[in-house]
Amino acid sequence: MSVFRTIRLSLLASLTIASSSAMAQQAPADGLPPIGVQIVARATAPLAAPMSGQLVAFPFRDGDRIEAGKVLARFNCAQQEAIHVRARAELTKREDLLATQTRLKALNAYSKAEFSQAQNDVAVAKAELAVAQTGVDNCQVTAPFDGRVAGVSVRNFQFVQAGAPLIDLIDDGEIELEMVVSSMLLSWLKPGTPVRIHVGETQRDYDARITRVSGKVDAASQTIKVYGVLVGDAPGVLPGMSGVARFASAAR
């Protein structure tokens, strides 16, 4: 093969690559193939047992709707409450002794060592009461936000260990769209870009828009994750559903 032919073929290959790259950056979005999209909840909370013990109240089931602050689970707390009562009584006792030492100090008829000891005893009693209060607080689990139960792992009256999964809570009022696109689309794909979503489970189309773009391109696949939200009401759309996204037009 001649040197001139080799150079010509190299130039043609370079021009082909450059042309393909330009087309990828400037191609109209309606010419793009459909992009897979996953529907996820913006807030999820797999809640676990904060203590070991027997459940005495576990009223919710999979699919139930829950308001923020509602008690999701309550444990038998007799021992923790007794410890709390004792800690409070001990604090009262120590505070009375400190009050006596304070009156003696006012009369200049006190022992500095005993007065200091009384102060330290009150501080220790307050700390022990705080620990006891934490134990009582752990006797129940409350919902951190409005949402829906997406799964339960235990049953009422069951004995569970600390850290054991109890209930999965999702905020289905705020769902988000996740999709992975070619990084070549970043020349026009920005937050605010409109997109049309077709959800397979509902067999319906929905208007959506891009809200944010990941801060990193995957070097191996030259793709990037982008996120969006549905525009307007979308009854029946649940986290976990999937579909395809089609962009209406490419910004130039």
Protein backbone atom coordinates (compact mmCIF):
# COMPACT_ATOMS: atom_id res chain seq x y z
CA MET A 1 0.00 0.00 0.00
CA SER A 2 1.42 3.39 -1.02
CA VAL A 3 2.22 6.08 1.50
CA PHE A 4 -0.31 8.45 -0.12
CA ARG A 5 -3.10 5.84 0.08
CA THR A 6 -2.30 5.20 3.74
CA ILE A 7 -2.47 8.91 4.50
CA ARG A 8 -5.76 9.21 2.58
CA LEU A 9 -7.36 6.33 4.52
CA SER A 10 -6.17 7.83 7.82
CA LEU A 11 -7.69 11.19 6.91
CA LEU A 12 -11.00 9.57 5.94
CA ALA A 13 -11.11 7.66 9.25
CA SER A 14 -10.40 10.85 11.21
CA LEU A 15 -13.12 12.74 9.37
CA THR A 16 -15.61 9.92 9.99
CA ILE A 17 -14.88 9.91 13.72
CA ALA A 18 -15.13 13.70 13.95
CA SER A 19 -18.40 13.68 12.01
CA SER A 20 -19.88 10.98 14.26
CA SER A 21 -18.88 12.93 17.36
CA ALA A 22 -20.44 16.12 16.03
CA MET A 23 -23.66 14.30 15.14
CA ALA A 24 -23.84 12.80 18.63
CA GLN A 25 -23.52 16.27 20.16
CA GLN A 26 -25.92 18.01 17.81
CA ALA A 27 -28.43 15.27 16.98
CA PRO A 28 -32.01 16.27 17.62
CA ALA A 29 -33.38 14.61 20.70
CA ASP A 30 -36.35 13.16 18.82
CA GLY A 31 -33.80 11.16 16.86
CA LEU A 32 -32.40 9.57 20.01
CA PRO A 33 -33.44 6.05 20.94
CA PRO A 34 -35.69 5.72 24.01
CA ILE A 35 -33.78 5.86 27.30
CA GLY A 36 -34.65 3.56 30.18
CA VAL A 37 -35.98 5.34 33.26
CA GLN A 38 -36.51 4.12 36.82
CA ILE A 39 -39.02 5.66 39.21
CA VAL A 40 -37.77 5.95 42.79
CA ALA A 41 -38.90 7.57 46.02
CA ARG A 42 -36.92 10.67 46.96
CA ALA A 43 -37.00 9.63 50.63
CA THR A 44 -36.83 6.07 51.94
CA ALA A 45 -36.36 4.83 55.50
CA PRO A 46 -35.67 1.18 56.30
CA LEU A 47 -36.29 1.43 60.05
CA ALA A 48 -34.67 -0.97 62.51
CA ALA A 49 -35.28 -1.86 66.15
CA PRO A 50 -33.52 0.63 68.47
CA MET A 51 -33.52 -1.93 71.32
CA SER A 52 -33.98 -5.61 72.08
CA GLY A 53 -37.39 -6.54 73.38
CA GLN A 54 -40.92 -7.69 72.68
CA LEU A 55 -43.21 -5.69 70.44
CA VAL A 56 -46.52 -4.80 72.06
CA ALA A 57 -47.83 -2.50 69.33
CA PHE A 58 -47.09 -2.94 65.63
CA PRO A 59 -50.27 -1.78 63.92
CA PHE A 60 -49.27 -1.03 60.33
CA ARG A 61 -49.18 -3.35 57.34
CA ASP A 62 -47.63 -3.24 53.89
CA GLY A 63 -49.33 -0.54 51.82
CA ASP A 64 -50.73 1.45 54.76
CA ARG A 65 -50.38 5.22 54.61
CA ILE A 66 -48.68 6.88 57.59
CA GLU A 67 -48.41 10.43 58.86
CA ALA A 68 -45.17 11.85 60.24
CA GLY A 69 -44.87 11.32 63.99
CA LYS A 70 -47.16 8.30 64.13
CA VAL A 71 -45.95 5.42 66.31
CA LEU A 72 -44.88 2.57 64.04
CA ALA A 73 -43.77 0.18 66.75
CA ARG A 74 -43.84 0.08 70.53
CA PHE A 75 -41.85 -2.25 72.79
CA ASN A 76 -42.55 -3.65 76.24
CA CYS A 77 -40.84 -0.95 78.26
CA ALA A 78 -41.53 -1.90 81.90
CA GLN A 79 -37.85 -2.32 82.78
CA GLN A 80 -36.75 0.90 81.04
CA GLU A 81 -39.53 2.88 82.73
CA ALA A 82 -38.57 1.49 86.15
CA ILE A 83 -34.94 2.48 85.58
CA HIS A 84 -36.11 5.94 84.57
CA VAL A 85 -38.23 6.34 87.74
CA ARG A 86 -35.28 5.27 89.88
CA ALA A 87 -32.90 7.66 88.10
CA ARG A 88 -35.32 10.56 88.61
CA ALA A 89 -35.69 9.71 92.32
CA GLU A 90 -31.91 9.55 92.69
CA LEU A 91 -31.57 12.97 91.08
CA THR A 92 -34.16 14.43 93.46
CA LYS A 93 -32.26 12.96 96.41
CA ARG A 94 -28.94 14.38 95.24
CA GLU A 95 -30.46 17.79 94.56
CA ASP A 96 -31.88 17.89 98.11
CA LEU A 97 -28.46 17.09 99.54
CA LEU A 98 -26.90 19.82 97.42
CA ALA A 99 -29.54 22.27 98.62
CA THR A 100 -28.62 21.44 102.22
CA GLN A 101 -24.94 21.98 101.49
CA THR A 102 -25.77 25.27 99.80
CA ARG A 103 -27.61 26.51 102.91
CA LEU A 104 -24.70 25.46 105.11
CA LYS A 105 -22.34 27.31 102.80
CA ALA A 106 -24.43 30.45 103.18
CA LEU A 107 -23.98 30.14 106.94
CA ASN A 108 -20.26 29.49 106.48
CA ALA A 109 -20.73 26.17 108.27
CA TYR A 110 -19.93 23.76 105.50
CA SER A 111 -17.18 21.46 104.29
CA LYS A 112 -15.73 22.35 100.93
CA ALA A 113 -15.16 18.67 100.19
CA GLU A 114 -18.76 17.73 101.03
CA PHE A 115 -20.13 20.66 99.01
CA SER A 116 -18.02 19.70 95.98
CA GLN A 117 -19.07 16.06 96.38
CA ALA A 118 -22.74 17.08 96.46
CA GLN A 119 -22.30 19.04 93.23
CA ASN A 120 -20.60 16.11 91.53
CA ASP A 121 -23.32 13.72 92.71
CA VAL A 122 -26.00 15.91 91.12
CA ALA A 123 -24.08 16.01 87.82
CA VAL A 124 -23.75 12.21 87.83
CA ALA A 125 -27.43 11.78 88.68
CA LYS A 126 -28.43 14.06 85.79
CA ALA A 127 -26.30 12.03 83.39
CA GLU A 128 -27.84 8.76 84.63
CA LEU A 129 -31.32 10.23 84.17
CA ALA A 130 -30.43 11.22 80.58
CA VAL A 131 -29.30 7.65 79.89
CA ALA A 132 -32.53 6.31 81.39
CA GLN A 133 -34.56 8.73 79.28
CA THR A 134 -32.82 7.46 76.16
CA GLY A 135 -33.86 3.94 77.09
CA VAL A 136 -37.48 5.05 77.40
CA ASP A 137 -37.31 6.96 74.11
CA ASN A 138 -36.08 3.81 72.35
CA CYS A 139 -39.23 1.98 73.41
CA GLN A 140 -41.09 3.31 70.39
CA VAL A 141 -40.37 4.04 66.74
CA THR A 142 -42.11 6.95 65.02
CA ALA A 143 -42.51 7.82 61.34
CA PRO A 144 -39.94 10.43 60.23
CA PHE A 145 -42.15 11.69 57.39
CA ASP A 146 -45.49 11.22 55.68
CA GLY A 147 -45.42 8.16 53.50
CA ARG A 148 -46.48 4.61 52.85
CA VAL A 149 -45.34 1.27 54.24
CA ALA A 150 -43.34 -0.60 51.58
CA GLY A 151 -42.65 -3.73 53.59
CA VAL A 152 -42.67 -5.19 57.11
CA SER A 153 -40.17 -7.66 58.54
CA VAL A 154 -41.73 -8.56 61.92
CA ARG A 155 -45.07 -9.22 63.55
CA ASN A 156 -46.76 -7.89 66.67
CA PHE A 157 -45.70 -9.54 69.98
CA GLN A 158 -42.53 -10.83 68.36
CA PHE A 159 -39.24 -10.54 70.28
CA VAL A 160 -36.60 -8.77 68.20
CA GLN A 161 -32.96 -7.93 68.67
CA ALA A 162 -31.56 -4.41 68.52
CA GLY A 163 -30.79 -3.49 64.93
CA ALA A 164 -33.25 -5.97 63.43
CA PRO A 165 -35.22 -4.56 60.44
CA LEU A 166 -38.79 -3.62 61.34
CA ILE A 167 -40.48 -1.67 58.57
CA ASP A 168 -39.69 0.06 55.28
CA LEU A 169 -41.20 3.50 54.80
CA ILE A 170 -41.17 5.46 51.54
CA ASP A 171 -42.28 8.97 50.70
CA ASP A 172 -44.42 8.21 47.66
CA GLY A 173 -45.63 11.81 47.54
CA GLU A 174 -42.30 12.89 46.03
CA ILE A 175 -41.07 10.50 43.39
CA GLU A 176 -37.99 11.00 41.25
CA LEU A 177 -36.86 9.76 37.86
CA GLU A 178 -33.44 8.21 37.35
CA MET A 179 -31.90 7.52 33.95
CA VAL A 180 -28.45 6.87 32.51
CA VAL A 181 -27.62 8.73 29.30
CA SER A 182 -24.62 9.19 27.04
CA SER A 183 -22.29 11.87 28.31
CA MET A 184 -22.29 13.31 24.76
CA LEU A 185 -25.78 14.68 25.49
CA LEU A 186 -24.42 17.07 28.12
CA SER A 187 -23.90 19.73 25.44
CA TRP A 188 -27.66 20.42 25.60
CA LEU A 189 -29.13 18.25 28.35
CA LYS A 190 -29.47 20.60 31.35
CA PRO A 191 -31.70 21.00 34.42
CA GLY A 192 -35.06 22.17 33.14
CA THR A 193 -34.91 20.17 29.89
CA PRO A 194 -38.39 18.73 29.18
CA VAL A 195 -38.81 15.00 28.68
CA ARG A 196 -41.72 12.70 27.96
CA ILE A 197 -41.96 9.55 30.09
CA HIS A 198 -43.84 6.38 29.20
CA VAL A 199 -44.43 4.14 32.23
CA GLY A 200 -44.78 0.47 31.42
CA GLU A 201 -46.96 -0.50 34.38
CA THR A 202 -49.58 2.19 33.73
CA GLN A 203 -49.20 2.25 29.93
CA ARG A 204 -49.49 6.04 30.08
CA ASP A 205 -47.29 8.98 29.08
CA TYR A 206 -46.33 11.78 31.48
CA ASP A 207 -44.61 15.13 31.14
CA ALA A 208 -41.41 15.50 33.15
CA ARG A 209 -38.34 17.68 33.35
CA ILE A 210 -34.70 17.17 34.27
CA THR A 211 -33.83 18.53 37.72
CA ARG A 212 -30.17 17.67 38.19
CA VAL A 213 -27.21 15.95 36.58
CA SER A 214 -24.69 13.76 38.36
CA GLY A 215 -21.33 15.31 39.07
CA LYS A 216 -19.33 12.50 37.47
CA VAL A 217 -19.17 10.77 34.09
CA ASP A 218 -18.50 7.03 34.12
CA ALA A 219 -15.19 6.81 32.29
CA ALA A 220 -15.64 3.23 31.11
CA SER A 221 -19.09 3.59 29.54
CA GLN A 222 -19.03 7.35 28.86
CA THR A 223 -22.45 7.66 30.50
CA ILE A 224 -23.84 9.86 33.24
CA LYS A 225 -26.84 9.62 35.55
CA VAL A 226 -29.50 12.32 35.35
CA TYR A 227 -32.56 12.90 37.51
CA GLY A 228 -35.98 14.35 36.88
CA VAL A 229 -39.47 14.83 38.27
CA LEU A 230 -42.94 14.42 36.82
CA VAL A 231 -44.81 17.60 35.99
CA GLY A 232 -48.35 17.70 37.36
CA ASP A 233 -50.36 14.89 38.89
CA ALA A 234 -49.45 11.29 38.11
CA PRO A 235 -52.01 9.05 39.85
CA GLY A 236 -51.04 5.41 40.00
CA VAL A 237 -47.32 5.98 39.49
CA LEU A 238 -45.40 4.21 42.27
CA PRO A 239 -41.72 3.89 43.19
CA GLY A 240 -40.20 0.84 41.55
CA MET A 241 -42.02 1.28 38.25
CA SER A 242 -39.99 1.75 35.09
CA GLY A 243 -40.38 2.98 31.56
CA VAL A 244 -38.69 4.89 28.79
CA ALA A 245 -37.87 8.56 28.31
CA ARG A 246 -38.03 10.51 25.07
CA PHE A 247 -36.70 14.04 24.79
CA ALA A 248 -38.90 16.43 22.83
CA SER A 249 -36.15 18.57 21.34
CA ALA A 250 -32.47 19.29 21.71
CA ALA A 251 -31.41 22.76 22.77
CA ARG A 252 -28.92 24.19 20.31
